[in-house]
Amino acid sequence: MKRIVMSLVLCLTLATTLVLTSCGGSDNKDANNGKTLRVAMECGYAPYNWTQKDDSNGAVQIKDSNEYAYGYDVMMAKKIADELGMKLEIVKLDWDSLVPALQSGKVDCVIAGQSITTERLQSVDFSNPYYYATIVTLTKSNSKYANAKGVKDLNGATATSQINTVWYDVCLPQIPNINKLPAQENAPVMLATLNSGKADLVVTDMPTAKAAVVAYPDLKLLDFAKTNDDFKVSEEEINIGISVQKGNTELKDKINKVLEKMTAKDFDKMMDDAIKVQPLSNK
């Protein structure tokens, strides 16, 4: 009889242990059983992503918030989630928190205008490009650099850009005699620094610049792409990808299958649509 009782106790103990173990790691993918695609972004980087007060144009409510996220990245996240038959969850994080959140398993992927750089590939894996960015410069319309025809014409400028980007790390050093200000926390702060006159110019990508000239009409976009004096960047530095946790080939392959159905023209059309509806208050 004692043996039967002890066996029952051991079975109950084992069952309890298994249940507790299976409930652990709530931050990881077990928390949603693969039914929810948890996507991280800044929600403050128009036209890639931004925060708004309602669900107009198809915006998605931000996790643990009464606000909503929209923009190119949200459009792309919705398309991927729909194709995969998953519910979409948008997680709002600071730029520097995106990769750590992915590494810890708090989110499934990051769709936030990240360049597919060799450095980032050491920490995360990337999908195929979901956008191809062009590097451009923004300055005030009345700036002495407003008529610049190439990078050399920016000689001596006081400039800045967003932290941990190819714009700041690779492009700004190419400007002769640059007075390089500290890197800015995010794109809105970068643009505010330019608009306030603290910087003569900023270097960014075409979508960010197009959105900026709508929000700040006195800014001028300088594109040196068709000249012999453009910023020198590699393909990896201007190809924008969706990052996933290192080794998560299953999700990466699923995302790539969705992207393979789209062309560069599809990407450009979606980006233009995002720029058209971006909130002008997103400065």
Protein backbone atom coordinates (compact mmCIF):
# COMPACT_ATOMS: atom_id res chain seq x y z
CA MET A 1 0.00 0.00 0.00
CA LYS A 2 2.81 2.38 0.90
CA ARG A 3 4.46 1.69 -2.46
CA ILE A 4 1.21 2.62 -4.28
CA VAL A 5 0.87 5.83 -2.27
CA MET A 6 4.51 6.78 -2.87
CA SER A 7 4.13 6.09 -6.59
CA LEU A 8 1.10 8.35 -6.75
CA VAL A 9 2.99 11.11 -4.92
CA LEU A 10 5.93 10.82 -7.31
CA CYS A 11 3.64 10.94 -10.35
CA LEU A 12 1.85 14.03 -9.04
CA THR A 13 5.17 15.71 -8.26
CA LEU A 14 6.51 14.96 -11.74
CA ALA A 15 3.32 16.19 -13.39
CA THR A 16 3.45 19.42 -11.39
CA THR A 17 7.10 19.95 -12.35
CA LEU A 18 6.32 19.45 -16.03
CA VAL A 19 3.45 21.93 -15.90
CA LEU A 20 5.54 24.56 -14.14
CA THR A 21 8.39 24.04 -16.58
CA SER A 22 6.11 24.41 -19.58
CA CYS A 23 4.72 27.65 -18.16
CA GLY A 24 8.14 29.21 -17.71
CA GLY A 25 9.90 31.59 -20.10
CA SER A 26 6.85 33.75 -20.70
CA ASP A 27 8.96 36.19 -22.68
CA ASN A 28 9.81 33.58 -25.30
CA LYS A 29 7.86 32.18 -28.22
CA ASP A 30 6.06 29.62 -26.00
CA ALA A 31 4.06 32.56 -24.62
CA ASN A 32 1.97 32.82 -27.79
CA ASN A 33 2.41 29.29 -29.17
CA GLY A 34 3.44 30.74 -32.48
CA LYS A 35 0.01 32.24 -33.10
CA THR A 36 1.08 35.86 -32.62
CA LEU A 37 3.82 37.63 -34.56
CA ARG A 38 5.45 40.02 -32.10
CA VAL A 39 7.11 42.80 -34.07
CA ALA A 40 9.32 45.47 -32.49
CA MET A 41 9.87 48.97 -33.87
CA GLU A 42 10.42 52.51 -32.57
CA CYS A 43 6.98 53.81 -33.56
CA GLY A 44 8.67 57.16 -34.03
CA TYR A 45 10.60 56.92 -37.30
CA ALA A 46 8.32 58.22 -40.05
CA PRO A 47 7.66 57.13 -42.72
CA TYR A 48 8.92 53.69 -41.63
CA ASN A 49 6.87 53.76 -38.44
CA TRP A 50 5.13 56.25 -36.18
CA THR A 51 2.67 56.61 -33.32
CA GLN A 52 -0.85 57.98 -33.74
CA LYS A 53 -3.95 58.35 -31.57
CA ASP A 54 -6.37 56.14 -33.50
CA ASP A 55 -6.58 53.23 -35.92
CA SER A 56 -7.06 55.34 -39.05
CA ASN A 57 -5.63 53.96 -42.30
CA GLY A 58 -5.34 50.54 -40.69
CA ALA A 59 -3.03 51.39 -37.80
CA VAL A 60 -2.37 48.68 -35.20
CA GLN A 61 -2.69 49.22 -31.46
CA ILE A 62 0.65 49.21 -29.67
CA LYS A 63 1.05 46.58 -26.95
CA ASP A 64 0.27 47.91 -23.45
CA SER A 65 -0.76 51.29 -24.88
CA ASN A 66 -3.84 53.23 -25.93
CA GLU A 67 -1.95 54.51 -28.97
CA TYR A 68 -1.52 53.00 -32.43
CA ALA A 69 1.38 52.40 -34.79
CA TYR A 70 1.42 52.86 -38.53
CA GLY A 71 3.80 53.44 -41.41
CA TYR A 72 5.71 51.35 -43.94
CA ASP A 73 6.94 48.89 -41.32
CA VAL A 74 3.43 48.34 -39.94
CA MET A 75 2.09 47.83 -43.47
CA MET A 76 4.78 45.22 -44.07
CA ALA A 77 4.20 43.57 -40.69
CA LYS A 78 0.47 43.31 -41.40
CA LYS A 79 1.13 41.73 -44.79
CA ILE A 80 3.53 39.17 -43.34
CA ALA A 81 1.26 38.30 -40.41
CA ASP A 82 -1.73 37.91 -42.75
CA GLU A 83 0.22 35.66 -45.12
CA LEU A 84 1.38 33.51 -42.20
CA GLY A 85 -2.08 33.36 -40.64
CA MET A 86 -0.87 35.00 -37.43
CA LYS A 87 -2.17 37.76 -35.18
CA LEU A 88 0.03 40.87 -35.22
CA GLU A 89 1.37 42.50 -32.06
CA ILE A 90 3.37 45.74 -32.28
CA VAL A 91 5.91 46.33 -29.51
CA LYS A 92 7.24 49.88 -29.13
CA LEU A 93 10.92 50.08 -28.14
CA ASP A 94 13.82 52.53 -28.31
CA TRP A 95 16.24 51.99 -31.19
CA ASP A 96 19.01 50.60 -28.97
CA SER A 97 16.57 48.17 -27.31
CA LEU A 98 15.47 46.47 -30.53
CA VAL A 99 18.28 43.93 -30.92
CA PRO A 100 18.45 43.02 -27.19
CA ALA A 101 14.68 42.40 -27.19
CA LEU A 102 15.10 40.09 -30.16
CA GLN A 103 18.03 38.25 -28.59
CA SER A 104 16.12 37.71 -25.33
CA GLY A 105 13.05 36.36 -27.15
CA LYS A 106 10.71 39.14 -26.05
CA VAL A 107 9.82 39.73 -29.71
CA ASP A 108 9.88 37.52 -32.79
CA CYS A 109 11.28 40.00 -35.28
CA VAL A 110 12.26 43.63 -35.75
CA ILE A 111 10.85 45.62 -38.66
CA ALA A 112 12.33 49.05 -38.14
CA GLY A 113 14.35 50.23 -41.12
CA GLN A 114 17.50 48.33 -40.13
CA SER A 115 20.35 48.09 -42.64
CA ILE A 116 21.67 44.56 -43.17
CA THR A 117 25.23 45.23 -42.00
CA THR A 118 27.99 42.74 -41.24
CA GLU A 119 28.13 44.05 -37.69
CA ARG A 120 24.43 43.44 -37.06
CA LEU A 121 24.65 40.00 -38.63
CA GLN A 122 26.92 39.00 -35.77
CA SER A 123 24.00 39.47 -33.37
CA VAL A 124 20.90 38.63 -35.40
CA ASP A 125 19.84 37.02 -38.67
CA PHE A 126 18.18 38.99 -41.47
CA SER A 127 15.57 38.32 -44.09
CA ASN A 128 16.02 39.34 -47.69
CA PRO A 129 15.70 43.13 -48.16
CA TYR A 130 12.22 44.56 -47.72
CA TYR A 131 13.36 47.97 -48.94
CA TYR A 132 16.32 49.43 -50.85
CA ALA A 133 17.34 52.80 -49.38
CA THR A 134 19.21 55.70 -51.01
CA ILE A 135 21.48 57.94 -48.93
CA VAL A 136 20.66 61.66 -49.13
CA THR A 137 21.31 64.91 -47.27
CA LEU A 138 18.90 67.37 -45.67
CA THR A 139 19.67 71.03 -45.06
CA LYS A 140 17.75 74.28 -44.66
CA SER A 141 16.56 75.93 -47.89
CA ASN A 142 18.48 79.09 -46.95
CA SER A 143 21.61 77.23 -45.87
CA LYS A 144 24.94 77.92 -47.57
CA TYR A 145 24.93 74.22 -48.44
CA ALA A 146 21.53 74.32 -50.16
CA ASN A 147 23.08 74.31 -53.63
CA ALA A 148 25.66 71.60 -52.95
CA LYS A 149 26.24 69.32 -55.94
CA GLY A 150 28.23 66.64 -54.15
CA VAL A 151 29.78 65.53 -50.87
CA LYS A 152 32.81 67.80 -51.31
CA ASP A 153 30.52 70.83 -51.40
CA LEU A 154 29.51 70.04 -47.82
CA ASN A 155 33.03 70.93 -46.69
CA GLY A 156 33.20 72.24 -43.11
CA ALA A 157 29.54 71.60 -42.28
CA THR A 158 28.28 70.99 -38.78
CA ALA A 159 26.35 67.76 -39.14
CA THR A 160 24.79 64.86 -37.30
CA SER A 161 22.61 61.82 -37.84
CA GLN A 162 20.94 58.98 -35.94
CA ILE A 163 22.95 56.79 -33.60
CA ASN A 164 24.09 53.34 -34.76
CA THR A 165 23.31 53.97 -38.42
CA VAL A 166 25.34 53.87 -41.61
CA TRP A 167 24.46 57.56 -42.00
CA TYR A 168 26.40 58.52 -38.88
CA ASP A 169 29.14 55.88 -38.83
CA VAL A 170 29.99 55.66 -42.54
CA CYS A 171 28.63 58.69 -44.41
CA LEU A 172 29.36 61.66 -42.14
CA PRO A 173 33.13 60.94 -41.98
CA GLN A 174 33.23 61.32 -45.78
CA ILE A 175 32.39 65.04 -45.52
CA PRO A 176 35.64 67.08 -45.66
CA ASN A 177 36.50 68.97 -42.46
CA ILE A 178 33.21 68.04 -40.88
CA ASN A 179 32.24 69.30 -37.44
CA LYS A 180 30.52 66.10 -36.36
CA LEU A 181 28.03 66.53 -33.54
CA PRO A 182 27.14 63.60 -31.25
CA ALA A 183 24.80 61.02 -32.76
CA GLN A 184 21.11 61.63 -32.14
CA GLU A 185 18.82 59.25 -30.26
CA ASN A 186 16.33 58.81 -33.09
CA ALA A 187 15.17 60.30 -36.39
CA PRO A 188 12.73 62.86 -34.91
CA VAL A 189 15.47 64.22 -32.61
CA MET A 190 17.88 64.29 -35.55
CA LEU A 191 15.42 66.33 -37.62
CA ALA A 192 14.66 68.65 -34.70
CA THR A 193 18.39 69.31 -34.31
CA LEU A 194 18.57 70.36 -37.95
CA ASN A 195 15.39 72.43 -37.82
CA SER A 196 16.58 74.29 -34.71
CA GLY A 197 19.79 75.37 -36.45
CA LYS A 198 22.13 73.38 -34.23
CA ALA A 199 23.31 71.49 -37.32
CA ASP A 200 23.82 72.66 -40.90
CA LEU A 201 22.73 69.34 -42.29
CA VAL A 202 21.93 65.71 -41.56
CA VAL A 203 22.52 62.58 -43.60
CA THR A 204 19.69 60.07 -43.80
CA ASP A 205 17.86 57.87 -46.31
CA MET A 206 15.40 58.89 -49.01
CA PRO A 207 12.15 57.84 -47.26
CA THR A 208 13.08 59.66 -44.06
CA ALA A 209 14.05 62.73 -46.07
CA LYS A 210 10.83 62.71 -48.12
CA ALA A 211 8.80 62.53 -44.93
CA ALA A 212 10.89 65.29 -43.34
CA VAL A 213 10.31 67.85 -46.09
CA VAL A 214 6.57 67.38 -45.61
CA ALA A 215 6.83 67.94 -41.87
CA TYR A 216 9.42 70.73 -42.25
CA PRO A 217 8.68 72.66 -45.49
CA ASP A 218 11.80 74.84 -45.16
CA LEU A 219 14.12 71.84 -45.53
CA LYS A 220 15.80 70.95 -48.82
CA LEU A 221 16.65 67.44 -49.97
CA LEU A 222 20.06 66.96 -51.63
CA ASP A 223 20.49 63.80 -53.68
CA PHE A 224 23.94 63.15 -55.13
CA ALA A 225 23.11 59.69 -56.51
CA LYS A 226 23.55 60.68 -60.16
CA THR A 227 26.84 62.50 -59.61
CA ASN A 228 30.45 61.37 -59.32
CA ASP A 229 30.60 62.75 -55.78
CA ASP A 230 28.06 60.71 -53.83
CA PHE A 231 28.48 59.00 -50.46
CA LYS A 232 30.35 55.72 -50.82
CA VAL A 233 28.37 52.91 -49.23
CA SER A 234 28.12 49.17 -49.84
CA GLU A 235 24.99 47.30 -50.86
CA GLU A 236 24.73 45.78 -47.40
CA GLU A 237 24.59 49.24 -45.87
CA ILE A 238 21.59 50.40 -47.90
CA ASN A 239 19.61 47.17 -48.06
CA ILE A 240 16.95 47.22 -45.33
CA GLY A 241 15.97 43.90 -43.77
CA ILE A 242 13.79 42.27 -41.13
CA SER A 243 15.85 40.86 -38.27
CA VAL A 244 15.05 37.66 -36.38
CA GLN A 245 16.74 35.86 -33.50
CA LYS A 246 20.03 34.20 -34.45
CA GLY A 247 19.33 30.70 -35.73
CA ASN A 248 15.58 31.19 -36.23
CA THR A 249 15.68 29.93 -39.80
CA GLU A 250 12.05 28.81 -39.67
CA LEU A 251 10.67 32.33 -39.23
CA LYS A 252 13.27 33.86 -41.55
CA ASP A 253 12.33 31.45 -44.34
CA LYS A 254 8.62 32.16 -43.86
CA ILE A 255 9.23 35.91 -44.06
CA ASN A 256 11.39 35.48 -47.16
CA LYS A 257 8.61 33.55 -48.91
CA VAL A 258 6.33 36.55 -48.40
CA LEU A 259 8.96 39.03 -49.59
CA GLU A 260 9.78 36.94 -52.67
CA LYS A 261 6.28 37.67 -53.97
CA MET A 262 7.05 41.42 -53.99
CA THR A 263 9.23 43.59 -56.23
CA ALA A 264 11.21 46.79 -55.64
CA LYS A 265 8.33 48.66 -57.30
CA ASP A 266 5.94 47.14 -54.76
CA PHE A 267 8.19 48.35 -51.96
CA ASP A 268 8.35 51.86 -53.42
CA LYS A 269 4.58 52.01 -53.87
CA MET A 270 4.00 50.96 -50.28
CA MET A 271 6.53 53.55 -49.06
CA ASP A 272 4.87 56.32 -51.09
CA ASP A 273 1.53 55.34 -49.56
CA ALA A 274 3.05 55.60 -46.08
CA ILE A 275 4.51 59.04 -46.79
CA LYS A 276 1.13 60.31 -47.98
CA VAL A 277 -0.59 59.54 -44.69
CA GLN A 278 2.19 60.26 -42.19
CA PRO A 279 1.11 62.69 -39.45
CA LEU A 280 2.69 66.12 -39.87
CA SER A 281 2.82 66.38 -36.09
CA ASN A 282 5.37 63.56 -36.00
CA LYS A 283 8.38 65.85 -35.59
